[in-house]
Structure formats: C-alpha cells, structure tokens
Amino acid sequence: MRRLHRLARDATDLAQVREWLSGYLRGEVRPRDDRRATALMTVPRLVGSPGAGTVWAVATVRDEVDVVEASIRHLLDQGVDSVLVSDHLSTDGTRELLTELARSDPSIHVAIDDEPGHFQKEKITRLARAAWRAGAEWIVPFDADEFWFAEGCRLAEFLRTTRAAVVTAEMHDVVPVAGSVEEFQDREYLVDEQPSGDVKVAFRAHPLARVGPGNHGVSRVGLQAPGLRIAHIPYRGPTQLERKFQTGSAALDRSGAAEWEGWHWRAGAGLNDTELEELWQLIRSGGRSELIGWKPSGSWRRERILRSRAWTGEPPGASD
C-alpha cells in the first residue's frame, strides 16, 4: 500500500491508484497471474531518452517477417522516439530480423517471449511499464499489421500537443492492390474510407495503466479524445492467412482464452488450401467475409497510403 501511495504525486496519480485498487478488489487485477503470463518474457535493459513528450511504441509479434520492419519504420517516420517489440516464438525469421534491426538502430529494442500462450493484454502491459521506466510519456501499443497516423500532422506531434490522457484510433481496412509487388511502403492499396468500427488506443504512460484485450482499451484515468487513424493490413496472401489463423488459434488454446477471443482466427483455422485461396481472392477484390468478420464498407480509395505523412494524405516532404 505504501508503495502505491508513493506513486501518487498529484490528483490524477491518486485517482489512478484508486482505480487500480478498485480493480484489484473486484478481482480484475491479478498481479500473480500477470507475472505467470510474462514469466518467460525477457525484456532488455532499456536506455531511453526521458523527457516531456517522449513517445514509445510497444508490440508483441509472431511470424510477421513480411510486414514488421515496414510498420516499425513507419512509426519512426511518424516521430516515435523508441520501439519495443517482443517476439513470440516466431519461426519465419521475424526474431532474427528484429535482432538485426536492433543492432543497426538504437531506437529499436527487442524482447524475447517464449511463453506459448497468447496472454496478449498482460504482455503488452508489461512492455508498456518497461517503456515507462525508460522515460516514456506516451505509449502506442501496436500490432505489426497496423500503420498509425494522426489527422493533419505526424503521430508523435499530435500526442505531444494533446491534453488528453488517452487518444482513440479508428481503424480502416486496407488490402494490397492485385499485382502490386513493390516494397510495402511503395505499394498501392485499397483503403476503406469508412472506419471498420474497431478502435484502439494510445495513452500517457503510467505504471498502473492496464492495456485491455487486443489493445482496444486501457485502464487509464484522464481525459479521452479522438484524433488517430490506423491503416490495418491484416491479410496479405493465402500463405500468410493460413499461418495467422493456425498460430493465433493455437496460442489462444494454450492460454485458455475464452471462445469469443480471436474467434475469427478459430474460424479461419478450419479452412483448407482451396478455401484459403478463395478467401484471399475475395479479400483482395474488396469483398466481405462473414466467416472471419471481414466487413469493409466498400467505399474504397486507391492510393499509396503508407507514403503519406498524415491521414489527410499529405505527401512526404510537404511540411519540411
């Protein structure tokens, strides 16, 4: 209890301590279970650049070798100061790629996660706390297939100037244009102009903040405001579809997750090769699939979205 009160430097911190204690008493906060879920995660000793406005992005990834470097580079281009990524038992070269990226760029840090279960929210929460200890003021919890933008300016610039404690990010479905073979950043994509309905969050770092399932929410006291967008590219080919469904479903089973968690992974895991190819052709043509909950509005625009600096489509260099 005394340790918790030492964190309460002002009224907001005191409210956060009370919120944490309330969750603990309701049985929603289980420190012992959190420690078990992350016992096989090794987080490096982080050397950051503490200071007002310092932005860290954190993620746990598995078998995302085709996209993870592009998403990390995008975050750094968006002004994020440091990125902490935990590799979760990848077998496709993701871990080796991340290790090489960390060697060449001191702003990239790699954790190793050998826990076979999913336990997503516990793992992201631990990474967020590690970033807080390294001096982060803002945390951006991201997935490897997400490309974060602010409206009208770079992501980090937006976070550094908002008064909010939590900023919501609307997600937009994005798929590669058929026949586009350029590098990720240069490809043309179909971008759904209507948000998918899913929302994720960035938040001011705090040691008692708890990230929710799928990064769709956070237990963090303070003002919540909109302003961010995510270009979401979860499906990139039939082989990647199969790997995503199979590994995701297996990890959920090992963690004892509820049936509703990752239900789309479980549904996709039952498809054969022909069905996977048909599903991919449907997705890349802009179609919908009720089976996996893929429901774009169909209001597509075609553009090189990952070359934009802001969600408004501002071209690189326009504000330099």
Protein backbone atom coordinates (compact mmCIF):
# COMPACT_ATOMS: atom_id res chain seq x y z
CA MET A 1 0.00 0.00 0.00
CA ARG A 2 2.80 2.47 0.88
CA ARG A 3 4.43 1.71 -2.45
CA LEU A 4 1.20 2.57 -4.28
CA HIS A 5 0.86 5.86 -2.42
CA ARG A 6 4.41 6.84 -3.38
CA LEU A 7 3.21 6.82 -7.00
CA ALA A 8 0.51 9.37 -6.22
CA ARG A 9 2.34 12.60 -6.99
CA ASP A 10 -0.83 14.52 -7.86
CA ALA A 11 -4.60 14.15 -8.03
CA THR A 12 -4.50 12.24 -11.32
CA ASP A 13 -1.98 9.75 -9.97
CA LEU A 14 -4.07 9.29 -6.84
CA ALA A 15 -7.12 8.59 -9.00
CA GLN A 16 -5.07 6.02 -10.95
CA VAL A 17 -4.03 4.31 -7.70
CA ARG A 18 -7.66 4.18 -6.60
CA GLU A 19 -8.71 2.77 -9.97
CA TRP A 20 -6.04 0.05 -9.71
CA LEU A 21 -7.08 -0.84 -6.16
CA SER A 22 -10.74 -0.97 -7.20
CA GLY A 23 -9.87 -3.40 -9.98
CA TYR A 24 -7.81 -5.48 -7.56
CA LEU A 25 -10.68 -5.72 -5.08
CA ARG A 26 -13.08 -6.72 -7.88
CA GLY A 27 -10.69 -9.46 -8.95
CA GLU A 28 -9.98 -7.84 -12.32
CA VAL A 29 -6.35 -7.10 -11.43
CA ARG A 30 -4.36 -10.22 -10.56
CA PRO A 31 -0.65 -9.38 -10.21
CA ARG A 32 0.32 -13.00 -9.60
CA ASP A 33 -1.43 -14.15 -12.78
CA ASP A 34 0.18 -11.29 -14.71
CA ARG A 35 3.62 -12.41 -13.53
CA ARG A 36 2.91 -16.01 -14.57
CA ALA A 37 1.76 -14.88 -18.02
CA THR A 38 5.00 -12.99 -18.61
CA ALA A 39 7.44 -15.22 -16.71
CA LEU A 40 9.07 -16.42 -19.93
CA MET A 41 9.37 -12.92 -21.40
CA THR A 42 12.85 -11.39 -21.28
CA VAL A 43 12.81 -7.61 -21.61
CA PRO A 44 16.16 -5.94 -22.25
CA ARG A 45 17.54 -3.20 -20.04
CA LEU A 46 16.21 -0.14 -21.79
CA VAL A 47 18.13 3.07 -22.23
CA GLY A 48 15.75 5.70 -23.46
CA SER A 49 15.64 9.47 -23.66
CA PRO A 50 13.35 10.59 -20.82
CA GLY A 51 11.65 13.91 -21.28
CA ALA A 52 8.42 15.68 -21.98
CA GLY A 53 6.70 14.23 -25.00
CA THR A 54 8.81 11.07 -25.28
CA VAL A 55 6.80 8.51 -27.31
CA TRP A 56 7.38 4.77 -27.22
CA ALA A 57 5.58 2.16 -29.32
CA VAL A 58 5.28 -1.40 -27.95
CA ALA A 59 4.16 -4.64 -29.57
CA THR A 60 4.22 -8.40 -29.31
CA VAL A 61 4.56 -10.12 -32.69
CA ARG A 62 4.67 -13.62 -34.12
CA ASP A 63 5.61 -14.68 -37.66
CA GLU A 64 5.28 -11.20 -39.21
CA VAL A 65 8.55 -11.13 -41.18
CA ASP A 66 6.86 -9.67 -44.27
CA VAL A 67 5.45 -6.59 -42.52
CA VAL A 68 7.09 -5.89 -39.16
CA GLU A 69 10.04 -3.86 -40.46
CA ALA A 70 7.72 -1.66 -42.51
CA SER A 71 5.47 -0.96 -39.51
CA ILE A 72 8.44 -0.13 -37.27
CA ARG A 73 9.98 2.17 -39.89
CA HIS A 74 6.61 3.83 -40.30
CA LEU A 75 6.37 4.55 -36.56
CA LEU A 76 9.85 6.05 -36.52
CA ASP A 77 8.97 8.17 -39.56
CA GLN A 78 5.92 9.32 -37.57
CA GLY A 79 8.24 10.76 -34.91
CA VAL A 80 8.07 7.92 -32.37
CA ASP A 81 11.26 8.02 -30.27
CA SER A 82 11.68 4.32 -29.46
CA VAL A 83 10.07 0.99 -30.33
CA LEU A 84 9.99 -2.07 -28.06
CA VAL A 85 8.92 -5.29 -29.79
CA SER A 86 8.60 -8.70 -28.16
CA ASP A 87 8.98 -11.70 -30.43
CA HIS A 88 6.57 -14.50 -29.53
CA LEU A 89 8.12 -17.79 -30.74
CA SER A 90 8.40 -16.78 -34.41
CA THR A 91 9.65 -19.45 -36.82
CA ASP A 92 9.62 -17.44 -40.07
CA GLY A 93 12.68 -15.25 -39.43
CA THR A 94 10.89 -12.46 -37.55
CA ARG A 95 13.08 -12.83 -34.46
CA GLU A 96 16.28 -12.73 -36.48
CA LEU A 97 15.08 -9.69 -38.44
CA LEU A 98 14.17 -7.82 -35.26
CA THR A 99 17.55 -8.63 -33.73
CA GLU A 100 19.32 -7.23 -36.79
CA LEU A 101 17.17 -4.09 -36.75
CA ALA A 102 18.02 -3.52 -33.08
CA ARG A 103 21.72 -3.88 -33.81
CA SER A 104 21.58 -1.22 -36.51
CA ASP A 105 19.22 1.24 -34.80
CA PRO A 106 19.47 2.12 -31.07
CA SER A 107 15.85 3.29 -31.03
CA ILE A 108 14.65 -0.29 -31.66
CA HIS A 109 14.60 -2.75 -28.74
CA VAL A 110 13.72 -6.45 -28.80
CA ALA A 111 12.24 -8.58 -26.01
CA ILE A 112 12.03 -12.36 -26.21
CA ASP A 113 8.80 -14.14 -25.30
CA ASP A 114 8.97 -17.92 -25.00
CA GLU A 115 5.57 -18.31 -23.31
CA PRO A 116 3.46 -20.39 -25.75
CA GLY A 117 0.12 -18.97 -24.56
CA HIS A 118 -1.39 -15.79 -26.03
CA PHE A 119 -1.85 -13.61 -22.88
CA GLN A 120 -1.81 -10.52 -25.06
CA LYS A 121 -3.01 -7.87 -22.63
CA GLU A 122 -0.66 -8.98 -19.85
CA LYS A 123 2.34 -8.96 -22.18
CA ILE A 124 1.58 -5.55 -23.68
CA THR A 125 1.02 -4.11 -20.21
CA ARG A 126 4.45 -5.35 -19.13
CA LEU A 127 6.10 -3.82 -22.19
CA ALA A 128 4.30 -0.53 -21.53
CA ARG A 129 5.60 -0.47 -17.97
CA ALA A 130 9.13 -1.18 -19.17
CA ALA A 131 8.85 1.77 -21.54
CA TRP A 132 7.54 3.93 -18.68
CA ARG A 133 10.62 3.05 -16.64
CA ALA A 134 12.78 4.11 -19.59
CA GLY A 135 11.18 7.55 -19.58
CA ALA A 136 8.21 7.22 -21.93
CA GLU A 137 5.46 9.81 -21.57
CA TRP A 138 3.29 8.23 -24.28
CA ILE A 139 2.67 4.59 -25.17
CA VAL A 140 1.45 3.44 -28.59
CA PRO A 141 0.51 -0.28 -28.40
CA PHE A 142 0.58 -1.53 -31.98
CA ASP A 143 0.32 -4.73 -33.99
CA ALA A 144 2.74 -5.48 -36.80
CA ASP A 145 -0.01 -5.08 -39.41
CA GLU A 146 -1.03 -1.60 -38.20
CA PHE A 147 0.18 1.71 -39.61
CA TRP A 148 -0.69 4.60 -37.30
CA PHE A 149 -1.47 8.14 -38.42
CA ALA A 150 -2.74 11.37 -36.91
CA GLU A 151 -5.10 13.73 -38.68
CA GLY A 152 -3.16 16.61 -40.24
CA CYS A 153 0.24 16.00 -38.64
CA ARG A 154 2.63 13.26 -37.60
CA LEU A 155 1.59 10.82 -34.87
CA ALA A 156 4.15 11.92 -32.28
CA GLU A 157 3.45 15.60 -32.91
CA PHE A 158 -0.24 15.03 -32.23
CA LEU A 159 0.43 13.15 -28.98
CA ARG A 160 2.86 15.79 -27.74
CA THR A 161 0.32 18.58 -28.17
CA THR A 162 -2.90 16.96 -26.95
CA ARG A 163 -4.20 17.50 -23.42
CA ALA A 164 -5.79 14.04 -23.35
CA ALA A 165 -4.52 11.08 -21.35
CA VAL A 166 -5.97 8.53 -23.80
CA VAL A 167 -6.35 9.04 -27.55
CA THR A 168 -8.52 6.73 -29.62
CA ALA A 169 -7.53 5.47 -33.06
CA GLU A 170 -10.15 4.44 -35.61
CA MET A 171 -9.18 1.50 -37.81
CA HIS A 172 -9.59 1.35 -41.58
CA ASP A 173 -9.42 -1.89 -43.55
CA VAL A 174 -6.64 -1.86 -46.15
CA VAL A 175 -5.66 -4.51 -48.72
CA PRO A 176 -2.84 -4.63 -51.29
CA VAL A 177 -3.89 -3.89 -54.86
CA ALA A 178 -3.75 -7.02 -57.04
CA GLY A 179 -0.45 -7.28 -58.90
CA SER A 180 1.33 -4.73 -56.69
CA VAL A 181 4.81 -6.16 -55.98
CA GLU A 182 6.71 -3.10 -54.75
CA GLU A 183 8.11 -2.80 -51.23
CA PHE A 184 5.48 -2.33 -48.55
CA GLN A 185 5.88 1.43 -48.30
CA ASP A 186 5.54 1.97 -52.07
CA ARG A 187 2.66 -0.35 -52.90
CA GLU A 188 -0.77 0.79 -53.92
CA TYR A 189 -3.55 -0.20 -51.55
CA LEU A 190 -7.32 -0.20 -51.41
CA VAL A 191 -8.19 1.91 -48.37
CA ASP A 192 -11.70 1.72 -46.92
CA GLU A 193 -12.74 5.32 -46.34
CA GLN A 194 -15.18 4.24 -43.62
CA PRO A 195 -13.78 3.10 -40.24
CA SER A 196 -14.26 -0.61 -39.52
CA GLY A 197 -15.79 0.08 -36.11
CA ASP A 198 -12.81 -1.24 -34.16
CA VAL A 199 -10.97 1.31 -32.04
CA LYS A 200 -7.52 1.14 -30.45
CA VAL A 201 -5.78 3.50 -28.05
CA ALA A 202 -2.57 5.34 -27.29
CA PHE A 203 -2.12 6.62 -23.73
CA ARG A 204 0.06 8.55 -21.34
CA ALA A 205 2.43 6.13 -19.64
CA HIS A 206 1.74 5.14 -16.05
CA PRO A 207 2.98 2.11 -14.08
CA LEU A 208 -0.57 1.18 -13.06
CA ALA A 209 -2.16 1.53 -16.50
CA ARG A 210 -3.50 -1.80 -17.80
CA VAL A 211 -3.94 -2.45 -21.51
CA GLY A 212 -7.12 -4.27 -22.49
CA PRO A 213 -7.61 -7.24 -24.86
CA GLY A 214 -6.43 -6.54 -28.39
CA ASN A 215 -5.19 -3.05 -27.38
CA HIS A 216 -8.78 -1.87 -27.80
CA GLY A 217 -8.80 -0.07 -24.47
CA VAL A 218 -6.73 0.87 -21.45
CA SER A 219 -7.44 1.32 -17.77
CA ARG A 220 -6.04 4.84 -17.53
CA VAL A 221 -7.50 7.77 -15.65
CA GLY A 222 -7.84 11.05 -17.53
CA LEU A 223 -9.44 12.78 -20.50
CA GLN A 224 -10.10 10.61 -23.58
CA ALA A 225 -10.15 12.18 -27.03
CA PRO A 226 -10.22 11.09 -30.70
CA GLY A 227 -7.74 12.04 -33.39
CA LEU A 228 -5.81 8.99 -34.65
CA ARG A 229 -6.29 6.58 -37.54
CA ILE A 230 -4.87 3.15 -38.34
CA ALA A 231 -4.37 1.64 -41.77
CA HIS A 232 -4.94 -2.04 -40.92
CA ILE A 233 -3.44 -4.61 -43.31
CA PRO A 234 -4.12 -7.96 -41.61
CA TYR A 235 -4.38 -10.10 -44.76
CA ARG A 236 -1.58 -10.19 -47.30
CA GLY A 237 -1.77 -13.55 -49.11
CA PRO A 238 -3.08 -17.13 -48.75
CA THR A 239 0.07 -18.46 -47.05
CA GLN A 240 0.07 -15.60 -44.56
CA LEU A 241 -3.66 -16.15 -43.95
CA GLU A 242 -3.12 -19.80 -43.07
CA ARG A 243 -0.19 -19.03 -40.76
CA LYS A 244 -2.12 -16.25 -38.99
CA PHE A 245 -5.17 -18.42 -38.39
CA GLN A 246 -3.29 -21.54 -37.30
CA THR A 247 -0.73 -19.93 -34.97
CA GLY A 248 -3.24 -17.50 -33.50
CA SER A 249 -5.80 -20.21 -32.77
CA ALA A 250 -3.19 -22.50 -31.21
CA ALA A 251 -1.85 -19.72 -28.96
CA LEU A 252 -5.37 -18.91 -27.76
CA ASP A 253 -5.99 -22.55 -26.93
CA ARG A 254 -2.74 -22.77 -24.92
CA SER A 255 -3.62 -19.69 -22.89
CA GLY A 256 -7.12 -20.96 -22.06
CA ALA A 257 -8.73 -17.95 -23.74
CA ALA A 258 -12.48 -17.62 -23.89
CA GLU A 259 -14.21 -18.87 -27.05
CA TRP A 260 -15.09 -15.33 -28.16
CA GLU A 261 -11.44 -14.19 -28.08
CA GLY A 262 -9.89 -14.45 -31.54
CA TRP A 263 -13.00 -16.18 -32.87
CA HIS A 264 -12.03 -15.16 -36.43
CA TRP A 265 -8.70 -16.98 -36.06
CA ARG A 266 -10.51 -20.10 -34.91
CA ALA A 267 -12.92 -19.90 -37.86
CA GLY A 268 -10.11 -19.42 -40.38
CA ALA A 269 -8.06 -22.28 -38.91
CA GLY A 270 -10.62 -24.75 -40.28
CA LEU A 271 -10.17 -23.77 -43.95
CA ASN A 272 -8.36 -25.96 -46.46
CA ASP A 273 -5.94 -24.69 -49.13
CA THR A 274 -8.63 -24.16 -51.76
CA GLU A 275 -10.85 -22.30 -49.32
CA LEU A 276 -7.94 -20.12 -48.21
CA GLU A 277 -7.14 -19.18 -51.82
CA GLU A 278 -10.81 -18.34 -52.45
CA LEU A 279 -10.89 -16.24 -49.28
CA TRP A 280 -7.77 -14.34 -50.33
CA GLN A 281 -9.16 -13.60 -53.79
CA LEU A 282 -12.36 -12.34 -52.16
CA ILE A 283 -10.40 -10.06 -49.79
CA ARG A 284 -8.07 -8.60 -52.40
CA SER A 285 -11.02 -7.80 -54.66
CA GLY A 286 -12.64 -5.72 -51.91
CA GLY A 287 -15.20 -8.32 -50.85
CA ARG A 288 -16.58 -9.21 -47.43
CA SER A 289 -16.32 -12.44 -45.43
CA GLU A 290 -18.76 -13.07 -42.58
CA LEU A 291 -16.77 -16.19 -41.65
CA ILE A 292 -13.80 -14.20 -40.34
CA GLY A 293 -15.63 -10.96 -39.60
CA TRP A 294 -14.04 -9.06 -42.51
CA LYS A 295 -16.64 -6.42 -43.32
CA PRO A 296 -15.26 -3.45 -45.26
CA SER A 297 -17.83 -0.85 -46.28
CA GLY A 298 -16.80 -1.00 -49.94
CA SER A 299 -16.05 2.75 -50.07
CA TRP A 300 -12.56 2.11 -51.35
CA ARG A 301 -9.99 4.63 -52.49
CA ARG A 302 -6.82 3.54 -54.22
CA GLU A 303 -3.59 5.15 -53.05
CA ARG A 304 -0.07 4.67 -51.73
CA ILE A 305 -1.26 5.30 -48.19
CA LEU A 306 1.99 4.28 -46.48
CA ARG A 307 3.86 7.07 -48.23
CA SER A 308 1.65 9.68 -46.57
CA ARG A 309 2.82 11.60 -43.53
CA ALA A 310 -0.67 12.25 -42.14
CA TRP A 311 -4.09 10.68 -42.61
CA THR A 312 -5.09 13.58 -44.84
CA GLY A 313 -2.72 12.17 -47.46
CA GLU A 314 -0.05 14.86 -47.11
CA PRO A 315 2.88 13.72 -49.27
CA PRO A 316 6.31 13.19 -47.72
CA GLY A 317 8.36 16.38 -47.54
CA ALA A 318 5.40 18.72 -47.88
CA SER A 319 5.90 20.29 -44.45
CA ASP A 320 9.70 20.14 -44.31
